């Protein structure tokens, strides 16, 4: 799906837009992009550090570097298979520290709950600041999606896979008593991890690091607008909407491939349309900025993930069961 969206992102541009796109990428001030990458790295460090507060509630205190390596490897897995990175994080902590998969996985879901809350608060802020613009942009994206029927077969495949998996689950639940008991225990462990948020002895520290993570996310996104002279005075409300659009693109695709630069590009060209003589210029600059932000952060995650894959401890001792 991501590869298709990336191809569609490029092929949908006409020659005039492509010319502006390449020109903007070549002339960008990469000092701001480098600074953005450094802030992105710091956000990963803070997220790995914050994880300890939830893990401590289940009686586990893995080393920082174990948590960090698991996090970064999970990110590169997410680029290949959407949302599989969360399960990978839990599996790697079992490998390094023998923390039960279901319990650590529950803490990861708990983190995601707070991520959704923060995204919701950000969306509310955008609605308050720029309600009309947000609604207009939503209509533009919806109209563009509705005019493209080439990806409809992806939807059918996804629905078929989920339906088949659900049917298999029902059969196993009904016919296999061992599966039923194992799943019940797994579900209890996951819930224990999810509600670990309310058991931590340092709730304010957890909340403080959560705010810091999202402040870093928004900052490393926003400062990239200084990379182009034409976007250096971009309105704060527009940056906020662009940030939300990019985040949603990451949530609904594997790592935002194709979707992130497209959605950010739509927001940028919407706000800058009157600053250029042609639509192609606005679209070219907008999509160039979206691509630079997405590509720089994605390459950072891939590099850090591969390094973590090399350095994460491996315990392959035989177990009795």
Protein backbone atom coordinates (compact mmCIF):
# COMPACT_ATOMS: atom_id res chain seq x y z
CA UNK A 1 0.00 0.00 0.00
CA UNK A 2 2.80 2.41 0.95
CA UNK A 3 4.73 1.70 -2.25
CA UNK A 4 1.62 2.40 -4.29
CA UNK A 5 1.02 5.70 -2.50
CA UNK A 6 4.63 6.73 -3.07
CA UNK A 7 4.33 5.94 -6.77
CA UNK A 8 1.01 7.79 -6.93
CA UNK A 9 2.51 10.79 -5.12
CA UNK A 10 5.14 11.13 -7.86
CA UNK A 11 3.09 10.15 -10.91
CA UNK A 12 0.25 12.54 -10.03
CA UNK A 13 2.56 15.54 -10.53
CA UNK A 14 2.67 17.12 -13.99
CA UNK A 15 5.99 18.12 -15.57
CA UNK A 16 5.76 21.71 -14.37
CA UNK A 17 5.18 20.60 -10.77
CA UNK A 18 8.05 18.10 -10.98
CA UNK A 19 10.42 20.82 -12.20
CA UNK A 20 9.55 23.04 -9.22
CA UNK A 21 9.72 19.99 -6.91
CA UNK A 22 13.31 19.12 -7.89
CA UNK A 23 14.40 22.76 -7.88
CA UNK A 24 13.04 23.28 -4.36
CA UNK A 25 14.80 20.16 -3.05
CA UNK A 26 18.12 21.29 -4.54
CA UNK A 27 17.86 24.83 -3.14
CA UNK A 28 16.63 23.96 0.36
CA UNK A 29 18.60 25.16 3.39
CA UNK A 30 19.53 21.82 4.95
CA UNK A 31 20.78 23.36 8.18
CA UNK A 32 17.18 23.37 9.38
CA UNK A 33 16.64 19.81 8.22
CA UNK A 34 19.73 18.67 10.13
CA UNK A 35 18.47 20.44 13.25
CA UNK A 36 15.11 18.75 12.74
CA UNK A 37 16.82 15.35 12.52
CA UNK A 38 18.69 16.01 15.78
CA UNK A 39 15.44 16.89 17.54
CA UNK A 40 13.85 13.76 16.08
CA UNK A 41 16.66 11.67 17.56
CA UNK A 42 16.13 13.36 20.94
CA UNK A 43 12.43 12.49 20.81
CA UNK A 44 13.31 8.80 20.39
CA UNK A 45 15.65 9.00 23.37
CA UNK A 46 12.94 10.58 25.53
CA UNK A 47 10.34 8.01 24.44
CA UNK A 48 12.66 5.12 25.34
CA UNK A 49 13.39 6.74 28.71
CA UNK A 50 9.67 7.32 29.45
CA UNK A 51 8.86 3.65 28.87
CA UNK A 52 10.53 2.72 32.17
CA UNK A 53 7.69 4.31 34.16
CA UNK A 54 5.15 1.86 32.75
CA UNK A 55 7.43 -1.17 32.84
CA UNK A 56 8.23 -0.52 36.51
CA UNK A 57 4.55 -1.06 37.39
CA UNK A 58 4.79 -4.68 36.24
CA UNK A 59 7.92 -5.17 38.31
CA UNK A 60 10.42 -4.90 35.46
CA UNK A 61 13.29 -2.45 35.01
CA UNK A 62 15.17 -3.28 31.79
CA UNK A 63 18.25 -1.24 30.95
CA UNK A 64 17.76 1.99 29.00
CA UNK A 65 19.65 0.72 25.98
CA UNK A 66 17.52 -2.43 25.86
CA UNK A 67 14.41 -0.26 25.73
CA UNK A 68 15.94 2.10 23.19
CA UNK A 69 17.12 -0.67 20.83
CA UNK A 70 13.71 -2.39 21.03
CA UNK A 71 12.00 0.91 20.20
CA UNK A 72 14.19 1.68 17.18
CA UNK A 73 13.98 -1.83 15.72
CA UNK A 74 10.21 -1.59 16.15
CA UNK A 75 10.21 1.58 14.07
CA UNK A 76 11.88 -0.04 11.07
CA UNK A 77 9.50 -3.01 11.33
CA UNK A 78 6.60 -0.54 11.19
CA UNK A 79 7.96 0.68 7.85
CA UNK A 80 7.50 -2.83 6.48
CA UNK A 81 4.34 -3.94 8.28
CA UNK A 82 2.00 -1.31 9.80
CA UNK A 83 1.71 -1.57 13.61
CA UNK A 84 3.87 -4.71 13.73
CA UNK A 85 6.60 -2.64 15.38
CA UNK A 86 4.73 -2.59 18.70
CA UNK A 87 4.71 -6.39 18.86
CA UNK A 88 8.38 -6.40 17.85
CA UNK A 89 9.26 -4.11 20.77
CA UNK A 90 7.61 -6.49 23.21
CA UNK A 91 9.25 -9.53 21.62
CA UNK A 92 12.71 -7.94 21.84
CA UNK A 93 12.27 -7.11 25.53
CA UNK A 94 11.43 -10.76 26.12
CA UNK A 95 14.62 -11.65 24.29
CA UNK A 96 16.84 -9.28 26.29
CA UNK A 97 15.18 -9.29 29.73
CA UNK A 98 12.69 -12.19 29.68
CA UNK A 99 9.78 -9.80 30.28
CA UNK A 100 6.54 -11.62 29.33
CA UNK A 101 5.45 -10.48 25.88
CA UNK A 102 1.82 -9.87 26.85
CA UNK A 103 2.71 -7.61 29.80
CA UNK A 104 5.22 -5.40 27.98
CA UNK A 105 2.89 -5.29 24.97
CA UNK A 106 0.19 -3.96 27.27
CA UNK A 107 2.45 -1.09 28.37
CA UNK A 108 3.05 -0.24 24.71
CA UNK A 109 -0.70 -0.08 24.11
CA UNK A 110 -0.91 2.17 27.17
CA UNK A 111 1.63 4.49 25.54
CA UNK A 112 -0.45 4.55 22.37
CA UNK A 113 -3.52 5.54 24.38
CA UNK A 114 -1.69 8.65 25.56
CA UNK A 115 -0.45 9.29 22.00
CA UNK A 116 -4.07 9.29 20.81
CA UNK A 117 -5.02 11.67 23.63
CA UNK A 118 -2.20 14.05 22.64
CA UNK A 119 -3.22 13.86 18.99
CA UNK A 120 -6.80 14.61 19.99
CA UNK A 121 -5.71 17.66 22.00
CA UNK A 122 -3.62 18.85 19.06
CA UNK A 123 -6.60 18.43 16.75
CA UNK A 124 -8.80 20.42 19.14
CA UNK A 125 -6.21 23.21 19.14
CA UNK A 126 -6.23 23.21 15.32
CA UNK A 127 -10.03 23.33 15.27
CA UNK A 128 -10.01 26.33 17.59
CA UNK A 129 -7.35 28.20 15.61
CA UNK A 130 -8.30 27.30 12.03
CA UNK A 131 -11.67 25.54 11.88
CA UNK A 132 -12.64 26.77 8.39
CA UNK A 133 -9.24 25.92 6.88
CA UNK A 134 -9.27 22.45 8.42
CA UNK A 135 -12.72 21.69 7.02
CA UNK A 136 -11.73 22.96 3.56
CA UNK A 137 -8.58 20.84 3.53
CA UNK A 138 -10.55 17.80 4.66
CA UNK A 139 -12.86 18.28 1.67
CA UNK A 140 -9.92 18.65 -0.73
CA UNK A 141 -8.30 15.41 0.47
CA UNK A 142 -11.64 13.57 0.43
CA UNK A 143 -12.38 14.73 -3.13
CA UNK A 144 -8.93 13.66 -4.34
CA UNK A 145 -9.29 10.27 -2.66
CA UNK A 146 -12.73 9.80 -4.15
CA UNK A 147 -11.48 10.51 -7.67
CA UNK A 148 -8.79 7.78 -7.42
CA UNK A 149 -10.20 4.28 -7.76
CA UNK A 150 -6.86 2.62 -8.44
CA UNK A 151 -6.32 1.65 -4.82
CA UNK A 152 -9.77 0.18 -4.17
CA UNK A 153 -8.48 -3.38 -4.50
CA UNK A 154 -6.20 -2.76 -1.52
CA UNK A 155 -9.28 -2.16 0.59
CA UNK A 156 -10.83 -5.44 -0.55
CA UNK A 157 -7.65 -7.35 0.27
CA UNK A 158 -7.43 -5.80 3.75
CA UNK A 159 -11.10 -6.56 4.48
CA UNK A 160 -10.68 -10.15 3.27
CA UNK A 161 -7.60 -10.71 5.44
CA UNK A 162 -9.29 -9.33 8.56
CA UNK A 163 -12.47 -11.32 7.88
CA UNK A 164 -10.48 -14.53 7.38
CA UNK A 165 -8.44 -13.92 10.53
CA UNK A 166 -11.58 -13.25 12.58
CA UNK A 167 -13.21 -16.43 11.27
CA UNK A 168 -10.10 -18.46 12.17
CA UNK A 169 -10.13 -16.94 15.66
CA UNK A 170 -13.77 -17.94 16.18
CA UNK A 171 -13.06 -21.51 15.07
CA UNK A 172 -10.07 -21.84 17.41
CA UNK A 173 -12.00 -20.27 20.29
CA UNK A 174 -14.89 -22.67 19.84
CA UNK A 175 -12.94 -25.87 19.13
CA UNK A 176 -9.61 -25.61 21.00
CA UNK A 177 -9.82 -25.30 24.79
CA UNK A 178 -6.06 -24.70 25.20
CA UNK A 179 -6.20 -21.77 22.77
CA UNK A 180 -9.16 -20.31 24.63
CA UNK A 181 -7.36 -20.46 27.98
CA UNK A 182 -4.10 -19.06 26.56
CA UNK A 183 -5.94 -16.16 24.94
CA UNK A 184 -7.76 -15.31 28.16
CA UNK A 185 -4.47 -15.15 30.07
CA UNK A 186 -2.86 -13.11 27.29
CA UNK A 187 -5.76 -10.65 27.34
CA UNK A 188 -5.50 -10.27 31.14
CA UNK A 189 -1.76 -9.55 30.89
CA UNK A 190 -2.33 -6.98 28.15
CA UNK A 191 -4.98 -5.20 30.22
CA UNK A 192 -2.59 -5.17 33.17
CA UNK A 193 -0.03 -3.40 31.00
CA UNK A 194 -2.56 -0.92 29.63
CA UNK A 195 -3.73 0.11 33.11
CA UNK A 196 -0.14 0.37 34.33
CA UNK A 197 -0.50 4.07 33.49
CA UNK A 198 -2.63 4.44 36.61
CA UNK A 199 -0.23 2.45 38.76
CA UNK A 200 3.00 4.30 38.13
CA UNK A 201 4.60 5.95 41.16
CA UNK A 202 5.67 8.91 39.02
CA UNK A 203 2.57 9.98 37.04
CA UNK A 204 3.68 13.60 36.70
CA UNK A 205 7.08 12.58 35.34
CA UNK A 206 5.34 10.33 32.81
CA UNK A 207 3.02 13.16 31.75
CA UNK A 208 5.93 15.62 31.60
CA UNK A 209 7.93 13.37 29.29
CA UNK A 210 4.81 12.80 27.17
CA UNK A 211 4.42 16.56 26.68
CA UNK A 212 8.14 16.84 25.90
CA UNK A 213 7.91 14.11 23.24
CA UNK A 214 5.04 15.82 21.46
CA UNK A 215 6.67 19.24 21.78
CA UNK A 216 9.76 17.80 20.08
CA UNK A 217 7.61 16.23 17.36
CA UNK A 218 5.94 19.54 16.59
CA UNK A 219 9.20 21.50 16.79
CA UNK A 220 11.19 19.27 14.45
CA UNK A 221 8.28 19.47 12.01
CA UNK A 222 7.81 23.22 12.26
CA UNK A 223 11.44 24.32 11.91
CA UNK A 224 11.66 22.57 8.53
CA UNK A 225 9.52 25.38 7.10
CA UNK A 226 12.57 27.64 7.45
CA UNK A 227 14.36 25.45 4.88
CA UNK A 228 12.52 27.37 2.12
CA UNK A 229 12.37 31.14 1.96
CA UNK A 230 8.82 30.96 0.62
CA UNK A 231 7.59 29.01 3.68
CA UNK A 232 9.68 30.75 6.37
CA UNK A 233 6.72 32.92 7.41
CA UNK A 234 4.16 30.13 7.29
CA UNK A 235 1.25 30.68 9.76
CA UNK A 236 1.35 28.73 13.01
CA UNK A 237 -2.16 27.42 12.45
CA UNK A 238 -1.12 26.06 9.06
CA UNK A 239 1.94 24.35 10.57
CA UNK A 240 -0.32 22.77 13.19
CA UNK A 241 -2.69 21.43 10.53
CA UNK A 242 0.23 20.17 8.46
CA UNK A 243 1.60 18.37 11.51
CA UNK A 244 -1.76 16.69 12.16
CA UNK A 245 -2.08 15.69 8.50
CA UNK A 246 1.38 14.13 8.49
CA UNK A 247 0.74 12.29 11.77
CA UNK A 248 -2.49 10.81 10.40
CA UNK A 249 -0.58 9.76 7.28
CA UNK A 250 1.87 7.83 9.47
CA UNK A 251 -0.93 6.22 11.48
CA UNK A 252 -2.81 4.88 8.46
CA UNK A 253 0.11 3.71 6.33
CA UNK A 254 3.39 1.94 7.01
CA UNK A 255 5.55 4.81 8.18
CA UNK A 256 3.68 7.43 6.18
CA UNK A 257 5.12 6.21 2.85
CA UNK A 258 3.54 8.32 0.12
CA UNK A 259 0.76 9.61 2.38
CA UNK A 260 2.90 11.87 4.60
CA UNK A 261 4.54 14.00 1.87
CA UNK A 262 1.25 14.15 -0.04
CA UNK A 263 -0.83 15.36 2.91
CA UNK A 264 1.78 17.86 4.08
CA UNK A 265 2.12 19.04 0.49
CA UNK A 266 -1.63 19.63 0.22
CA UNK A 267 -1.60 21.76 3.37
CA UNK A 268 1.43 23.79 2.29
CA UNK A 269 0.14 24.46 -1.23
CA UNK A 270 -3.29 25.39 0.19
CA UNK A 271 -1.84 28.15 2.35
CA UNK A 272 0.73 29.30 -0.23
CA UNK A 273 -1.46 29.23 -3.32
CA UNK A 274 -1.80 33.02 -3.52
CA UNK A 275 1.96 33.55 -3.13
CA UNK A 276 2.80 31.95 -6.48
CA UNK A 277 1.84 32.76 -10.04
CA UNK A 278 0.87 29.16 -10.88
CA UNK A 279 -0.66 26.21 -9.09
CA UNK A 280 2.28 24.05 -10.19
CA UNK A 281 4.72 26.23 -8.22
CA UNK A 282 2.70 26.02 -5.01
CA UNK A 283 2.23 22.25 -5.34
CA UNK A 284 5.88 21.68 -6.22
CA UNK A 285 7.20 23.56 -3.19
CA UNK A 286 4.59 22.02 -0.87
CA UNK A 287 5.33 18.47 -1.96
CA UNK A 288 9.08 19.09 -1.84
CA UNK A 289 8.83 20.25 1.77
CA UNK A 290 6.62 17.29 2.69
CA UNK A 291 9.06 14.87 1.05
CA UNK A 292 12.12 16.39 2.75
CA UNK A 293 10.52 16.21 6.20
CA UNK A 294 9.32 12.63 5.72
CA UNK A 295 12.49 11.36 4.06
CA UNK A 296 14.88 12.90 6.60
CA UNK A 297 13.03 11.44 9.59
CA UNK A 298 12.50 8.09 7.86
CA UNK A 299 16.18 7.74 6.95
CA UNK A 300 17.04 8.63 10.56
CA UNK A 301 14.77 5.85 11.85
CA UNK A 302 16.17 3.33 9.38
CA UNK A 303 19.77 4.19 10.29
CA UNK A 304 19.14 4.12 14.04
CA UNK A 305 17.03 0.97 13.70
CA UNK A 306 19.75 -0.89 11.82
CA UNK A 307 22.34 0.19 14.40
CA UNK A 308 20.06 -1.05 17.19
CA UNK A 309 19.52 -4.32 15.32
CA UNK A 310 23.29 -4.85 15.46
CA UNK A 311 23.83 -3.86 19.09
CA UNK A 312 20.74 -5.23 20.83
CA UNK A 313 21.76 -8.14 23.12
CA UNK A 314 20.71 -11.60 21.99
CA UNK A 315 19.93 -14.32 24.49
CA UNK A 316 19.51 -17.60 22.67
CA UNK A 317 19.87 -19.92 25.66
CA UNK A 318 17.65 -22.99 25.57
CA UNK A 319 14.69 -22.90 27.90
CA UNK A 320 13.01 -25.79 29.66
CA UNK A 321 9.69 -25.01 27.98
